[in-house]
Amino acid sequence: MKKSIIFILPDLEAGGAERIVTTLANNLPRERYIPSILLLRKEGAYLDLLQPDVEIIDIATERIRHSLKPILLEIKRRKPDIVFTGFGEVNAYLALFTKLFPYTKFVARETNVVSKHVTRREIRFFYKFYNAYDRIIAQSNDMQQDLIKNFGVKKKKIIKINNPVDVSFIEEKLKESVRPAAFSVQYKNVVAIGNLSARKGFDNLLKVFTRLKDQNILLHILGDGKDKEILIRMKEMLGLDHVIFHGKKSNPYQYLKYADLFILSSRYEGFPNVLLEAGTCGVYSVANDCPGGIDEIIKDQVNGEIAPIENYDAFADSILRALNNNKNNNKELIKETINSRFSKEIILQQYDHLLWNL
């Protein structure tokens, strides 16, 4: 007998949670599951990537706080076997109401280290009820320990499943890629990707690059966000002529393919997809020593290294060493260290096992 499963997200804009849910909905075996996705707003780039048989339930609600009633009504009407919610704020609100549906299993997938990410007291309150979920998916050891230590979640409720990387999808995108015009052959080209917000630490990265002004290095930052204008002004004030803001790109793999180095400057993460994707493109990484599974992804001196970014001089030295070390150009070895542990096929088996045995 097939299991019906409803995934819940605000939208399908390009992001980590959205990528994971899209991958799951597209690839869960159809002889076992009937997937649908409930969206607060039917919008986002990943809509175009969904398989035709994935139903979209659009509740047309702008604010998350107003979404609870229509979500509960859809669950009551459809009576799914599994509800899988993949966005922290929705997870928190829904925890109060899982007992209303005794024949439905509820799974919450967290997206970040909660104590770092959820700062509003009224939302943190709802995490007191998190043990009402049948299972809670933590993407990293850091996230798992944070839920236990800071929110009293029972260890038996949590299952750790790392994020997958869709190798075949990325390889297809790499086939389409040409060297970006901004990538000068006279320079080393370093790439950083992420939402332009405080969480991603691009302010620290700009401070690091004040130490590299006299080096032949270009820093390419891909992404958009609320701090864009602040960061651009900061770049100008610091005189960083070799830093280029490219905005959000539909094919960031074009930039990773030709990058000499990838940098992750985040203050915290959940389990950074972009670090997996950089490795799948064969790019060596230097990552900030922050919570969120970084040490589960990076194999030291093989596919990357970890250093504290707020020690600006030391982090700048790590960048220079990585760029000048020819051993870091072994793209096939870098790819293998990621794909052998985090490929879509490996992680989907773990999700299938969890969902089928609920």
Protein backbone atom coordinates (compact mmCIF):
# COMPACT_ATOMS: atom_id res chain seq x y z
CA MET A 1 0.00 0.00 0.00
CA LYS A 2 1.36 3.40 -0.98
CA LYS A 3 1.95 6.14 1.57
CA SER A 4 0.71 9.66 0.86
CA ILE A 5 3.10 12.35 2.00
CA ILE A 6 2.64 16.12 2.14
CA PHE A 7 5.77 18.29 2.24
CA ILE A 8 5.26 21.80 3.66
CA LEU A 9 7.33 24.84 2.69
CA PRO A 10 6.70 28.60 2.33
CA ASP A 11 7.64 28.52 -1.39
CA LEU A 12 10.06 26.89 -3.82
CA GLU A 13 12.55 29.72 -4.21
CA ALA A 14 16.14 28.55 -4.65
CA GLY A 15 17.44 27.52 -1.24
CA GLY A 16 18.69 24.56 0.74
CA ALA A 17 15.36 23.36 2.20
CA GLU A 18 13.63 23.87 -1.13
CA ARG A 19 16.30 21.89 -2.96
CA ILE A 20 16.00 18.97 -0.51
CA VAL A 21 12.20 18.81 -0.69
CA THR A 22 12.29 19.03 -4.49
CA THR A 23 14.81 16.19 -4.61
CA LEU A 24 12.74 14.03 -2.26
CA ALA A 25 9.42 14.68 -4.02
CA ASN A 26 10.95 13.92 -7.42
CA ASN A 27 12.84 10.78 -6.43
CA LEU A 28 10.93 8.89 -3.75
CA PRO A 29 9.86 5.58 -5.36
CA ARG A 30 6.37 5.88 -6.81
CA GLU A 31 5.51 2.28 -5.98
CA ARG A 32 5.75 3.33 -2.30
CA TYR A 33 4.81 7.01 -2.09
CA ILE A 34 2.35 9.58 -3.43
CA PRO A 35 4.09 12.95 -2.87
CA SER A 36 2.56 16.43 -2.84
CA ILE A 37 3.96 19.79 -1.75
CA LEU A 38 1.93 22.34 0.22
CA LEU A 39 3.18 25.89 -0.37
CA LEU A 40 2.19 29.10 1.33
CA ARG A 41 2.88 30.77 -2.00
CA LYS A 42 3.11 28.96 -5.32
CA GLU A 43 6.28 30.61 -6.56
CA GLY A 44 9.97 29.90 -6.93
CA ALA A 45 12.56 28.65 -9.40
CA TYR A 46 12.30 25.02 -8.26
CA LEU A 47 8.70 24.76 -9.45
CA ASP A 48 10.11 24.18 -12.93
CA LEU A 49 12.21 21.26 -11.68
CA LEU A 50 9.34 19.22 -10.22
CA GLN A 51 8.15 15.99 -11.82
CA PRO A 52 4.66 16.34 -13.39
CA ASP A 53 3.08 13.90 -10.92
CA VAL A 54 3.98 16.00 -7.84
CA GLU A 55 0.82 17.86 -6.84
CA ILE A 56 1.20 21.45 -5.64
CA ILE A 57 -1.22 22.57 -2.92
CA ASP A 58 -1.26 26.37 -2.90
CA ILE A 59 -2.84 27.94 0.20
CA ALA A 60 -2.01 31.46 -1.07
CA THR A 61 -0.97 32.89 2.30
CA GLU A 62 1.61 35.67 2.53
CA ARG A 63 2.48 35.43 6.23
CA ILE A 64 3.62 32.29 8.00
CA ARG A 65 1.67 33.24 11.12
CA HIS A 66 -1.54 33.21 9.06
CA SER A 67 -0.81 29.86 7.46
CA LEU A 68 -1.54 27.53 10.36
CA LYS A 69 -5.32 27.30 9.96
CA PRO A 70 -5.28 26.53 6.19
CA ILE A 71 -2.46 24.00 6.74
CA LEU A 72 -4.47 22.20 9.41
CA LEU A 73 -7.60 22.23 7.23
CA GLU A 74 -5.66 20.63 4.34
CA ILE A 75 -4.30 17.93 6.64
CA LYS A 76 -7.79 17.25 7.99
CA ARG A 77 -9.26 17.06 4.48
CA ARG A 78 -6.55 14.96 2.83
CA LYS A 79 -5.64 12.66 5.76
CA PRO A 80 -2.06 12.00 4.58
CA ASP A 81 0.00 9.18 6.03
CA ILE A 82 2.94 11.53 6.58
CA VAL A 83 3.32 15.29 6.97
CA PHE A 84 6.90 16.44 6.38
CA THR A 85 7.53 20.05 7.31
CA GLY A 86 10.82 21.53 6.21
CA PHE A 87 10.95 25.11 7.47
CA GLY A 88 11.83 26.05 11.04
CA GLU A 89 9.07 28.54 11.82
CA VAL A 90 6.32 26.32 10.38
CA ASN A 91 7.85 23.35 12.23
CA ALA A 92 7.60 25.22 15.52
CA TYR A 93 3.96 26.31 15.11
CA LEU A 94 2.79 22.91 13.88
CA ALA A 95 4.28 21.07 16.86
CA LEU A 96 1.30 22.17 18.98
CA PHE A 97 -1.23 20.43 16.76
CA THR A 98 0.21 17.07 15.76
CA LYS A 99 -1.94 15.21 18.30
CA LEU A 100 -5.09 16.33 16.47
CA PHE A 101 -4.24 13.80 13.74
CA PRO A 102 -3.49 10.43 15.40
CA TYR A 103 -3.37 8.55 12.08
CA THR A 104 -0.81 10.88 10.50
CA LYS A 105 2.92 10.71 11.24
CA PHE A 106 4.66 14.07 11.56
CA VAL A 107 8.28 14.67 10.58
CA ALA A 108 10.12 17.98 11.04
CA ARG A 109 13.31 18.72 9.18
CA GLU A 110 15.34 21.49 10.76
CA THR A 111 17.34 23.78 8.52
CA ASN A 112 19.87 25.33 10.89
CA VAL A 113 21.41 25.13 14.33
CA VAL A 114 18.26 26.36 16.07
CA SER A 115 19.78 28.24 19.01
CA LYS A 116 21.83 30.33 16.56
CA HIS A 117 19.05 30.85 14.02
CA VAL A 118 15.82 31.29 16.00
CA THR A 119 16.13 34.43 18.11
CA ARG A 120 12.51 35.56 18.49
CA ARG A 121 11.23 34.51 21.91
CA GLU A 122 7.68 33.87 20.71
CA ILE A 123 8.94 31.29 18.19
CA ARG A 124 11.44 29.69 20.56
CA PHE A 125 8.50 29.05 22.90
CA PHE A 126 6.98 26.55 20.48
CA TYR A 127 10.12 24.39 20.54
CA LYS A 128 8.99 23.26 24.01
CA PHE A 129 6.49 21.07 22.13
CA TYR A 130 8.96 19.61 19.64
CA ASN A 131 8.83 16.16 21.18
CA ALA A 132 5.28 15.89 19.77
CA TYR A 133 6.83 15.09 16.38
CA ASP A 134 7.28 11.44 15.49
CA ARG A 135 10.75 12.16 14.12
CA ILE A 136 12.96 15.23 13.81
CA ILE A 137 15.64 15.27 11.12
CA ALA A 138 18.91 16.94 12.03
CA GLN A 139 21.31 17.47 9.17
CA SER A 140 24.45 17.49 11.28
CA ASN A 141 25.86 16.42 14.64
CA ASP A 142 25.96 20.09 15.68
CA MET A 143 22.24 20.48 15.00
CA GLN A 144 21.39 17.24 16.82
CA GLN A 145 23.32 18.23 19.96
CA ASP A 146 21.82 21.72 19.91
CA LEU A 147 18.25 20.34 19.89
CA ILE A 148 19.02 18.02 22.80
CA LYS A 149 20.99 20.48 24.92
CA ASN A 150 19.11 23.73 24.35
CA PHE A 151 15.55 22.59 23.60
CA GLY A 152 15.15 19.38 25.54
CA VAL A 153 14.37 17.24 22.50
CA LYS A 154 14.60 13.54 23.27
CA LYS A 155 17.53 11.86 21.59
CA LYS A 156 15.33 8.98 20.40
CA LYS A 157 13.18 11.45 18.43
CA ILE A 158 16.10 12.74 16.35
CA ILE A 159 17.58 11.05 13.33
CA LYS A 160 20.60 12.53 11.59
CA ILE A 161 20.45 12.58 7.82
CA ASN A 162 22.95 14.73 5.95
CA ASN A 163 21.90 16.73 2.91
CA PRO A 164 22.26 15.06 -0.48
CA VAL A 165 24.02 16.46 -3.51
CA ASP A 166 22.45 15.83 -6.91
CA VAL A 167 25.56 14.88 -8.84
CA SER A 168 23.84 14.16 -12.17
CA PHE A 169 22.00 17.51 -12.09
CA ILE A 170 25.24 19.41 -11.41
CA GLU A 171 27.13 17.51 -14.09
CA GLU A 172 24.48 18.48 -16.65
CA LYS A 173 24.80 22.12 -15.60
CA LEU A 174 28.59 21.91 -15.89
CA LYS A 175 28.25 20.76 -19.50
CA GLU A 176 26.44 24.04 -20.28
CA SER A 177 29.08 26.14 -18.55
CA VAL A 178 31.55 28.50 -20.20
CA ARG A 179 34.22 30.50 -18.43
CA PRO A 180 32.62 33.68 -16.99
CA ALA A 181 33.85 36.84 -18.67
CA ALA A 182 34.79 38.31 -15.28
CA PHE A 183 37.25 35.45 -14.59
CA SER A 184 40.57 36.96 -15.61
CA VAL A 185 43.28 34.44 -16.52
CA GLN A 186 45.81 36.82 -14.95
CA TYR A 187 44.27 36.32 -11.51
CA LYS A 188 43.33 33.52 -9.14
CA ASN A 189 39.53 33.43 -9.07
CA VAL A 190 37.92 32.78 -5.68
CA VAL A 191 34.15 32.21 -5.35
CA ALA A 192 31.75 32.64 -2.42
CA ILE A 193 28.01 31.97 -2.71
CA GLY A 194 25.10 32.73 -0.39
CA ASN A 195 22.34 35.03 0.72
CA LEU A 196 23.70 38.50 1.45
CA SER A 197 22.75 38.51 5.12
CA ALA A 198 24.63 38.64 8.42
CA ARG A 199 24.39 34.86 8.84
CA LYS A 200 26.64 34.26 5.81
CA GLY A 201 29.49 36.36 7.16
CA PHE A 202 30.42 38.25 4.00
CA ASP A 203 31.35 41.26 6.13
CA ASN A 204 34.11 39.17 7.69
CA LEU A 205 35.17 37.92 4.27
CA LEU A 206 35.60 41.49 3.02
CA LYS A 207 37.78 42.25 6.05
CA VAL A 208 39.90 39.19 5.22
CA PHE A 209 40.38 40.48 1.67
CA THR A 210 41.76 43.80 2.93
CA ARG A 211 44.81 41.63 3.76
CA LEU A 212 44.97 40.37 0.16
CA LYS A 213 44.80 43.65 -1.76
CA ASP A 214 48.33 43.26 -3.15
CA GLN A 215 47.69 39.72 -4.39
CA ASN A 216 46.49 38.75 -7.87
CA ILE A 217 43.18 37.41 -6.53
CA LEU A 218 39.63 38.20 -7.61
CA LEU A 219 36.79 37.46 -5.18
CA HIS A 220 33.47 36.70 -6.90
CA ILE A 221 30.43 36.84 -4.58
CA LEU A 222 27.22 35.28 -5.93
CA GLY A 223 23.89 35.94 -4.26
CA ASP A 224 21.39 38.59 -3.27
CA GLY A 225 19.80 39.69 -0.02
CA LYS A 226 18.88 42.45 2.38
CA ASP A 227 22.50 43.40 3.18
CA LYS A 228 23.55 43.87 -0.45
CA GLU A 229 23.82 47.66 -0.35
CA ILE A 230 25.62 47.62 3.01
CA LEU A 231 28.19 45.13 1.72
CA ILE A 232 28.74 47.08 -1.51
CA ARG A 233 29.33 50.27 0.50
CA MET A 234 31.68 48.35 2.78
CA LYS A 235 33.61 47.10 -0.25
CA GLU A 236 33.96 50.65 -1.54
CA MET A 237 35.01 52.04 1.85
CA LEU A 238 37.68 49.34 2.17
CA GLY A 239 38.93 49.98 -1.38
CA LEU A 240 38.43 46.39 -2.49
CA ASP A 241 38.64 46.79 -6.27
CA HIS A 242 39.18 43.04 -6.75
CA VAL A 243 35.85 42.06 -5.17
CA ILE A 244 32.93 41.61 -7.59
CA PHE A 245 29.28 41.20 -6.60
CA HIS A 246 27.51 39.23 -9.34
CA GLY A 247 24.01 38.93 -7.84
CA LYS A 248 22.03 35.68 -7.93
CA LYS A 249 22.87 33.34 -10.80
CA SER A 250 20.65 30.61 -12.27
CA ASN A 251 23.75 28.49 -12.96
CA PRO A 252 26.28 29.09 -10.17
CA TYR A 253 28.10 25.92 -11.25
CA GLN A 254 29.49 27.89 -14.17
CA TYR A 255 31.45 29.91 -11.62
CA LEU A 256 32.43 26.92 -9.49
CA LYS A 257 33.68 25.01 -12.53
CA TYR A 258 36.34 27.63 -13.23
CA ALA A 259 37.06 28.67 -9.64
CA ASP A 260 40.51 28.22 -8.13
CA LEU A 261 39.03 28.15 -4.61
CA PHE A 262 35.66 28.24 -2.83
CA ILE A 263 35.15 30.06 0.47
CA LEU A 264 32.41 29.49 3.05
CA SER A 265 32.33 32.45 5.44
CA SER A 266 29.09 31.65 7.33
CA ARG A 267 28.65 32.33 11.05
CA TYR A 268 26.56 29.15 11.30
CA GLU A 269 24.93 26.64 8.98
CA GLY A 270 22.67 23.59 9.04
CA PHE A 271 24.59 21.44 6.59
CA PRO A 272 25.74 23.70 3.76
CA ASN A 273 24.60 22.52 0.34
CA VAL A 274 26.92 24.98 -1.36
CA LEU A 275 29.95 23.32 0.24
CA LEU A 276 28.77 19.96 -1.14
CA GLU A 277 28.18 21.50 -4.56
CA ALA A 278 31.61 23.13 -4.64
CA GLY A 279 33.16 19.73 -3.91
CA THR A 280 31.05 18.08 -6.62
CA CYS A 281 32.50 20.64 -9.03
CA GLY A 282 35.99 19.61 -7.91
CA VAL A 283 36.78 22.86 -6.08
CA TYR A 284 38.91 22.94 -2.93
CA SER A 285 37.32 24.92 -0.08
CA VAL A 286 38.40 27.05 2.85
CA ALA A 287 35.56 27.24 5.39
CA ASN A 288 34.98 29.20 8.57
CA ASP A 289 35.09 27.13 11.75
CA CYS A 290 31.39 27.47 12.58
CA PRO A 291 28.56 25.19 13.79
CA GLY A 292 26.64 23.24 11.19
CA GLY A 293 28.39 20.10 9.99
CA ILE A 294 31.39 21.77 8.34
CA ASP A 295 33.72 19.24 9.95
CA GLU A 296 31.56 16.39 8.59
CA ILE A 297 32.03 17.62 5.01
CA ILE A 298 35.63 18.81 5.00
CA LYS A 299 38.38 16.18 4.97
CA ASP A 300 41.37 18.23 6.02
CA GLN A 301 43.85 18.92 3.23
CA VAL A 302 41.88 16.63 0.87
CA ASN A 303 38.80 18.58 -0.21
CA GLY A 304 39.38 21.62 1.97
CA GLU A 305 40.34 23.05 5.33
CA ILE A 306 38.72 24.85 8.24
CA ALA A 307 39.94 28.06 9.89
CA PRO A 308 38.41 30.77 12.12
CA ILE A 309 37.51 33.64 9.82
CA GLU A 310 37.51 36.33 12.52
CA ASN A 311 41.26 35.86 12.76
CA TYR A 312 41.51 37.80 9.51
CA ASP A 313 45.27 37.48 9.03
CA ALA A 314 45.30 33.72 9.60
CA PHE A 315 42.31 33.16 7.31
CA ALA A 316 43.99 35.23 4.59
CA ASP A 317 47.09 33.06 4.99
CA SER A 318 44.92 29.93 4.62
CA ILE A 319 43.55 31.31 1.35
CA LEU A 320 47.04 32.01 0.01
CA ARG A 321 48.33 28.57 0.98
CA ALA A 322 45.35 26.85 -0.60
CA LEU A 323 45.74 28.80 -3.85
CA ASN A 324 49.47 28.06 -4.06
CA ASN A 325 49.28 24.36 -3.21
CA ASN A 326 49.17 22.31 -6.41
CA LYS A 327 47.86 19.28 -4.49
CA ASN A 328 44.55 21.10 -4.17
CA ASN A 329 44.00 20.82 -7.94
CA ASN A 330 43.08 17.13 -7.83
CA LYS A 331 39.48 17.68 -8.92
CA GLU A 332 38.61 13.99 -9.22
CA LEU A 333 39.74 13.26 -5.66
CA ILE A 334 37.76 16.24 -4.34
CA LYS A 335 34.65 15.08 -6.18
CA GLU A 336 35.03 11.54 -4.85
CA THR A 337 35.29 12.68 -1.21
CA ILE A 338 31.86 14.31 -1.57
CA ASN A 339 30.02 11.95 -3.90
CA SER A 340 31.02 8.79 -2.00
CA ARG A 341 29.35 10.11 1.16
CA PHE A 342 26.59 12.53 0.16
CA SER A 343 25.28 11.51 -3.27
CA LYS A 344 21.54 11.73 -3.85
CA GLU A 345 21.26 7.95 -4.06
CA ILE A 346 22.91 7.38 -0.66
CA ILE A 347 20.85 10.01 1.19
CA LEU A 348 17.56 9.07 -0.50
CA GLN A 349 17.96 5.53 0.82
CA GLN A 350 18.16 6.95 4.34
CA TYR A 351 15.03 9.06 3.84
CA ASP A 352 13.16 6.13 2.30
CA HIS A 353 14.07 3.93 5.25
CA LEU A 354 12.90 6.58 7.74
CA LEU A 355 9.60 7.39 6.02
CA TRP A 356 8.63 3.80 5.19
CA ASN A 357 9.26 2.59 8.75
CA LEU A 358 7.43 5.33 10.60
